[in-house]
């Protein structure tokens, strides 16, 4: 069975968040949480929160064992952008884009779904 969790509007750009999500894709949930705990990237904490939430959803809503769960898919999508202006020389203006992202985690306990996971 596939269970998902979503975190929306995280204040980290999706490109930086994908570095973290690609590192844990296909791992067991316990391994991924241990890996994320010691990652130096800023996106590791929000991703670990979403992975733990997906495991909790599977345990509480569907009575699945959290020790048998794999991260089937984890995606960092683009969200809104905050547009600001910074003063530049000669009366010009420079654009500042602050990017945000959504993180979606899908976990599964089915070995058929986890057949393409990383070893």
N, C-alpha and C. Protein backbone atom coordinates (compact mmCIF):
# COMPACT_ATOMS: atom_id res chain seq x y z
N UNK A 1 0.83 -1.17 0.00
CA UNK A 1 0.00 0.00 0.00
C UNK A 1 0.88 1.24 0.00
N UNK A 2 0.47 2.22 -0.75
CA UNK A 2 1.22 3.46 -0.85
C UNK A 2 0.56 4.54 0.00
N UNK A 3 1.36 5.22 0.81
CA UNK A 3 0.89 6.28 1.69
C UNK A 3 1.74 7.51 1.43
N UNK A 4 1.12 8.68 1.45
CA UNK A 4 1.88 9.89 1.14
C UNK A 4 1.72 10.95 2.22
N UNK A 5 2.66 11.88 2.21
CA UNK A 5 2.63 13.07 3.06
C UNK A 5 3.21 14.22 2.25
N UNK A 6 2.67 15.41 2.47
CA UNK A 6 3.08 16.59 1.71
C UNK A 6 3.40 17.72 2.68
N UNK A 7 4.51 18.41 2.44
CA UNK A 7 4.84 19.64 3.15
C UNK A 7 4.85 20.76 2.12
N UNK A 8 4.10 21.80 2.39
CA UNK A 8 3.95 22.88 1.41
C UNK A 8 4.66 24.15 1.87
N UNK A 9 5.09 24.91 0.88
CA UNK A 9 5.66 26.25 1.07
C UNK A 9 6.85 26.25 2.03
N UNK A 10 7.83 25.40 1.74
CA UNK A 10 9.07 25.38 2.50
C UNK A 10 9.99 26.43 1.90
N UNK A 11 10.62 27.22 2.74
CA UNK A 11 11.40 28.36 2.28
C UNK A 11 12.79 28.05 1.77
N UNK A 12 12.93 26.94 1.06
CA UNK A 12 14.20 26.55 0.46
C UNK A 12 13.96 26.33 -1.02
N UNK A 13 14.85 26.78 -1.89
CA UNK A 13 14.63 26.60 -3.32
C UNK A 13 14.56 25.12 -3.71
N UNK A 14 13.74 24.78 -4.70
CA UNK A 14 13.58 23.38 -5.08
C UNK A 14 14.87 22.74 -5.58
N UNK A 15 15.73 23.52 -6.19
CA UNK A 15 16.98 22.96 -6.69
C UNK A 15 17.87 22.46 -5.55
N UNK A 16 17.91 23.22 -4.45
CA UNK A 16 18.68 22.79 -3.28
C UNK A 16 17.99 21.65 -2.55
N UNK A 17 16.67 21.65 -2.57
CA UNK A 17 15.93 20.59 -1.89
C UNK A 17 16.07 19.26 -2.63
N UNK A 18 16.22 19.31 -3.96
CA UNK A 18 16.37 18.08 -4.73
C UNK A 18 17.67 17.35 -4.42
N UNK A 19 18.70 18.08 -3.98
CA UNK A 19 19.94 17.44 -3.56
C UNK A 19 19.69 16.50 -2.38
N UNK A 20 18.81 16.93 -1.49
CA UNK A 20 18.50 16.12 -0.31
C UNK A 20 17.55 14.98 -0.67
N UNK A 21 16.52 15.28 -1.46
CA UNK A 21 15.53 14.25 -1.77
C UNK A 21 16.11 13.12 -2.62
N UNK A 22 17.01 13.46 -3.54
CA UNK A 22 17.62 12.42 -4.36
C UNK A 22 18.55 11.52 -3.54
N UNK A 23 19.08 12.03 -2.45
CA UNK A 23 19.98 11.24 -1.62
C UNK A 23 19.25 10.14 -0.85
N UNK A 24 17.97 10.35 -0.54
CA UNK A 24 17.23 9.37 0.27
C UNK A 24 16.20 8.59 -0.52
N UNK A 25 16.07 8.86 -1.79
CA UNK A 25 15.06 8.15 -2.59
C UNK A 25 15.40 6.67 -2.68
N UNK A 26 14.42 5.82 -2.37
CA UNK A 26 14.59 4.38 -2.46
C UNK A 26 15.10 3.72 -1.20
N UNK A 27 15.43 4.48 -0.17
CA UNK A 27 15.93 3.89 1.08
C UNK A 27 14.77 3.48 1.98
N UNK A 28 15.08 2.65 2.98
CA UNK A 28 14.09 2.37 4.02
C UNK A 28 13.88 3.64 4.83
N UNK A 29 12.71 3.76 5.43
CA UNK A 29 12.38 4.97 6.18
C UNK A 29 13.34 5.17 7.35
N UNK A 30 13.67 4.10 8.06
CA UNK A 30 14.60 4.22 9.20
C UNK A 30 15.99 4.65 8.74
N UNK A 31 16.45 4.09 7.63
CA UNK A 31 17.76 4.47 7.10
C UNK A 31 17.76 5.92 6.64
N UNK A 32 16.67 6.32 5.99
CA UNK A 32 16.58 7.69 5.48
C UNK A 32 16.58 8.70 6.62
N UNK A 33 15.85 8.41 7.70
CA UNK A 33 15.81 9.33 8.83
C UNK A 33 17.19 9.44 9.50
N UNK A 34 17.90 8.32 9.59
CA UNK A 34 19.25 8.36 10.16
C UNK A 34 20.20 9.13 9.25
N UNK A 35 20.06 8.96 7.95
CA UNK A 35 20.90 9.66 6.98
C UNK A 35 20.63 11.16 7.02
N UNK A 36 19.35 11.53 7.10
CA UNK A 36 18.97 12.95 7.11
C UNK A 36 19.40 13.65 8.40
N UNK A 37 19.51 12.90 9.47
CA UNK A 37 19.87 13.50 10.75
C UNK A 37 21.27 14.10 10.72
N UNK A 38 22.16 13.51 9.91
CA UNK A 38 23.55 13.97 9.88
C UNK A 38 23.91 14.69 8.59
N UNK A 39 22.95 14.98 7.74
CA UNK A 39 23.23 15.74 6.52
C UNK A 39 23.42 17.21 6.85
N UNK A 40 24.40 17.88 6.26
CA UNK A 40 24.64 19.29 6.58
C UNK A 40 23.71 20.26 5.85
N UNK A 41 22.94 19.78 4.87
CA UNK A 41 22.09 20.67 4.08
C UNK A 41 20.93 21.20 4.92
N UNK A 42 20.49 22.41 4.58
CA UNK A 42 19.38 23.01 5.30
C UNK A 42 18.07 22.29 5.03
N UNK A 43 17.95 21.65 3.88
CA UNK A 43 16.72 20.97 3.52
C UNK A 43 16.54 19.62 4.20
N UNK A 44 17.53 19.16 4.95
CA UNK A 44 17.44 17.84 5.58
C UNK A 44 16.38 17.81 6.67
N UNK A 45 16.24 18.87 7.43
CA UNK A 45 15.28 18.88 8.53
C UNK A 45 13.83 18.85 8.03
N UNK A 46 13.43 19.69 7.07
CA UNK A 46 12.05 19.58 6.57
C UNK A 46 11.76 18.25 5.89
N UNK A 47 12.75 17.70 5.18
CA UNK A 47 12.53 16.42 4.51
C UNK A 47 12.38 15.30 5.53
N UNK A 48 13.17 15.34 6.60
CA UNK A 48 13.01 14.31 7.63
C UNK A 48 11.66 14.41 8.32
N UNK A 49 11.14 15.62 8.48
CA UNK A 49 9.82 15.80 9.06
C UNK A 49 8.74 15.18 8.17
N UNK A 50 8.86 15.37 6.86
CA UNK A 50 7.85 14.84 5.93
C UNK A 50 7.95 13.32 5.86
N UNK A 51 9.16 12.78 5.88
CA UNK A 51 9.32 11.32 5.84
C UNK A 51 8.75 10.70 7.11
N UNK A 52 9.00 11.32 8.26
CA UNK A 52 8.45 10.82 9.51
C UNK A 52 6.92 10.92 9.51
N UNK A 53 6.39 11.97 8.91
CA UNK A 53 4.94 12.13 8.82
C UNK A 53 4.31 11.07 7.94
N UNK A 54 4.96 10.74 6.83
CA UNK A 54 4.44 9.69 5.94
C UNK A 54 4.46 8.34 6.65
N UNK A 55 5.52 8.06 7.42
CA UNK A 55 5.58 6.81 8.18
C UNK A 55 4.50 6.77 9.26
N UNK A 56 4.25 7.90 9.91
CA UNK A 56 3.20 7.97 10.92
C UNK A 56 1.82 7.81 10.30
N UNK A 57 1.62 8.38 9.10
CA UNK A 57 0.34 8.20 8.41
C UNK A 57 0.11 6.72 8.09
N UNK A 58 1.16 6.03 7.64
CA UNK A 58 1.03 4.62 7.31
C UNK A 58 0.73 3.79 8.55
N UNK A 59 1.37 4.15 9.66
CA UNK A 59 1.18 3.37 10.88
C UNK A 59 -0.20 3.61 11.49
N UNK A 60 -0.63 4.86 11.56
CA UNK A 60 -1.88 5.19 12.24
C UNK A 60 -3.12 4.95 11.39
N UNK A 61 -3.04 5.24 10.10
CA UNK A 61 -4.23 5.15 9.25
C UNK A 61 -4.42 3.77 8.63
N UNK A 62 -3.31 3.05 8.38
CA UNK A 62 -3.42 1.78 7.66
C UNK A 62 -2.80 0.61 8.42
N UNK A 63 -2.37 0.81 9.66
CA UNK A 63 -1.80 -0.23 10.51
C UNK A 63 -0.62 -0.95 9.85
N UNK A 64 0.23 -0.20 9.17
CA UNK A 64 1.43 -0.77 8.55
C UNK A 64 2.60 -0.67 9.52
N UNK A 65 3.53 -1.59 9.41
CA UNK A 65 4.71 -1.60 10.26
C UNK A 65 5.72 -0.58 9.73
N UNK A 66 6.11 0.42 10.51
CA UNK A 66 7.02 1.45 10.00
C UNK A 66 8.42 0.92 9.70
N UNK A 67 8.80 -0.23 10.25
CA UNK A 67 10.12 -0.79 9.98
C UNK A 67 10.22 -1.42 8.59
N UNK A 68 9.08 -1.69 7.96
CA UNK A 68 9.07 -2.32 6.64
C UNK A 68 8.82 -1.34 5.50
N UNK A 69 8.77 -0.05 5.80
CA UNK A 69 8.42 0.94 4.79
C UNK A 69 9.65 1.40 4.01
N UNK A 70 9.45 1.62 2.71
CA UNK A 70 10.46 2.17 1.82
C UNK A 70 9.97 3.52 1.30
N UNK A 71 10.91 4.38 0.96
CA UNK A 71 10.54 5.62 0.27
C UNK A 71 10.44 5.27 -1.20
N UNK A 72 9.22 5.20 -1.67
CA UNK A 72 8.98 4.82 -3.05
C UNK A 72 9.30 5.98 -3.99
N UNK A 73 8.83 7.17 -3.61
CA UNK A 73 9.07 8.36 -4.43
C UNK A 73 9.10 9.57 -3.52
N UNK A 74 9.98 10.48 -3.80
CA UNK A 74 10.06 11.74 -3.06
C UNK A 74 10.37 12.84 -4.06
N UNK A 75 9.55 13.89 -4.06
CA UNK A 75 9.62 14.92 -5.09
C UNK A 75 9.64 16.30 -4.44
N UNK A 76 10.49 17.18 -4.94
CA UNK A 76 10.51 18.58 -4.54
C UNK A 76 10.03 19.41 -5.72
N UNK A 77 8.82 19.95 -5.59
CA UNK A 77 8.20 20.74 -6.66
C UNK A 77 8.30 22.23 -6.37
N UNK A 78 8.19 23.01 -7.42
CA UNK A 78 8.25 24.46 -7.30
C UNK A 78 6.96 25.00 -6.68
N UNK A 79 7.08 26.01 -5.86
CA UNK A 79 5.95 26.67 -5.25
C UNK A 79 5.96 28.14 -5.71
N UNK A 80 5.42 29.01 -4.91
CA UNK A 80 5.38 30.41 -5.31
C UNK A 80 6.76 31.06 -5.16
N UNK A 81 6.88 32.25 -5.69
CA UNK A 81 8.12 33.02 -5.59
C UNK A 81 7.80 34.41 -5.06
N UNK A 82 8.62 34.86 -4.14
CA UNK A 82 8.49 36.22 -3.63
C UNK A 82 9.41 37.10 -4.45
N UNK A 83 8.84 38.13 -5.07
CA UNK A 83 9.60 38.99 -5.96
C UNK A 83 9.88 40.31 -5.26
N UNK A 84 11.18 40.64 -5.20
CA UNK A 84 11.58 41.88 -4.56
C UNK A 84 12.54 42.63 -5.47
N UNK A 85 12.80 43.88 -5.11
CA UNK A 85 13.69 44.71 -5.91
C UNK A 85 14.82 45.21 -5.02
N UNK A 86 16.04 45.14 -5.55
CA UNK A 86 17.21 45.64 -4.85
C UNK A 86 17.78 46.79 -5.67
N UNK A 87 18.10 47.87 -5.01
CA UNK A 87 18.64 49.04 -5.69
C UNK A 87 20.01 48.74 -6.26
N UNK A 88 20.22 49.16 -7.51
CA UNK A 88 21.48 48.97 -8.21
C UNK A 88 22.02 50.35 -8.62
N UNK A 89 23.24 50.43 -9.10
CA UNK A 89 23.80 51.73 -9.48
C UNK A 89 23.05 52.40 -10.65
N UNK A 90 23.18 53.70 -10.72
CA UNK A 90 22.62 54.52 -11.80
C UNK A 90 21.10 54.43 -11.87
N UNK A 91 20.44 54.31 -10.73
CA UNK A 91 18.99 54.31 -10.70
C UNK A 91 18.33 53.06 -11.23
N UNK A 92 19.09 52.01 -11.42
CA UNK A 92 18.51 50.76 -11.91
C UNK A 92 18.01 49.92 -10.74
N UNK A 93 17.32 48.86 -11.08
CA UNK A 93 16.79 47.96 -10.06
C UNK A 93 17.16 46.53 -10.42
N UNK A 94 17.55 45.76 -9.43
CA UNK A 94 17.84 44.34 -9.63
C UNK A 94 16.74 43.50 -9.01
N UNK A 95 16.40 42.42 -9.68
CA UNK A 95 15.30 41.58 -9.22
C UNK A 95 15.82 40.51 -8.27
N UNK A 96 15.11 40.29 -7.19
CA UNK A 96 15.41 39.21 -6.26
C UNK A 96 14.22 38.27 -6.25
N UNK A 97 14.46 36.99 -6.52
CA UNK A 97 13.41 35.97 -6.48
C UNK A 97 13.71 35.03 -5.33
N UNK A 98 12.82 34.99 -4.36
CA UNK A 98 12.95 34.03 -3.25
C UNK A 98 12.03 32.87 -3.56
N UNK A 99 12.63 31.72 -3.81
CA UNK A 99 11.86 30.56 -4.25
C UNK A 99 11.46 29.68 -3.06
N UNK A 100 10.29 29.08 -3.17
CA UNK A 100 9.77 28.16 -2.17
C UNK A 100 9.45 26.84 -2.87
N UNK A 101 9.25 25.77 -2.09
CA UNK A 101 8.99 24.47 -2.71
C UNK A 101 8.00 23.66 -1.88
N UNK A 102 7.42 22.65 -2.52
CA UNK A 102 6.59 21.63 -1.89
C UNK A 102 7.37 20.32 -1.91
N UNK A 103 7.27 19.53 -0.87
CA UNK A 103 7.91 18.21 -0.83
C UNK A 103 6.82 17.16 -0.64
N UNK A 104 6.79 16.17 -1.55
CA UNK A 104 5.84 15.08 -1.49
C UNK A 104 6.61 13.78 -1.31
N UNK A 105 6.21 12.99 -0.31
CA UNK A 105 6.85 11.70 -0.02
C UNK A 105 5.80 10.61 -0.14
N UNK A 106 6.13 9.55 -0.88
CA UNK A 106 5.27 8.37 -0.99
C UNK A 106 6.05 7.19 -0.45
N UNK A 107 5.50 6.54 0.59
CA UNK A 107 6.13 5.36 1.17
C UNK A 107 5.26 4.15 0.89
N UNK A 108 5.89 2.99 0.85
CA UNK A 108 5.17 1.76 0.56
C UNK A 108 5.83 0.61 1.31
N UNK A 109 5.02 -0.42 1.60
CA UNK A 109 5.55 -1.62 2.22
C UNK A 109 5.51 -2.81 1.28
N UNK A 110 5.00 -2.61 0.08
CA UNK A 110 4.84 -3.69 -0.89
C UNK A 110 6.17 -3.95 -1.59
N UNK A 111 6.68 -5.18 -1.56
CA UNK A 111 7.95 -5.46 -2.24
C UNK A 111 7.87 -5.29 -3.76
N UNK A 112 6.69 -5.43 -4.32
CA UNK A 112 6.55 -5.23 -5.76
C UNK A 112 6.76 -3.76 -6.13
N UNK A 113 6.29 -2.86 -5.27
CA UNK A 113 6.50 -1.44 -5.51
C UNK A 113 7.96 -1.06 -5.30
N UNK A 114 8.61 -1.69 -4.35
CA UNK A 114 9.98 -1.34 -3.99
C UNK A 114 11.03 -2.08 -4.82
N UNK A 115 10.63 -2.71 -5.88
CA UNK A 115 11.57 -3.47 -6.70
C UNK A 115 12.61 -2.63 -7.40
N UNK A 116 12.30 -1.36 -7.64
CA UNK A 116 13.24 -0.49 -8.35
C UNK A 116 14.02 0.40 -7.39
N UNK A 117 14.04 0.06 -6.10
CA UNK A 117 14.73 0.92 -5.13
C UNK A 117 16.24 0.72 -5.23
N UNK A 118 16.95 1.68 -4.69
CA UNK A 118 18.41 1.65 -4.69
C UNK A 118 18.90 0.72 -3.60
N UNK A 119 19.99 -0.01 -3.83
CA UNK A 119 20.52 -0.93 -2.82
C UNK A 119 21.84 -0.46 -2.32
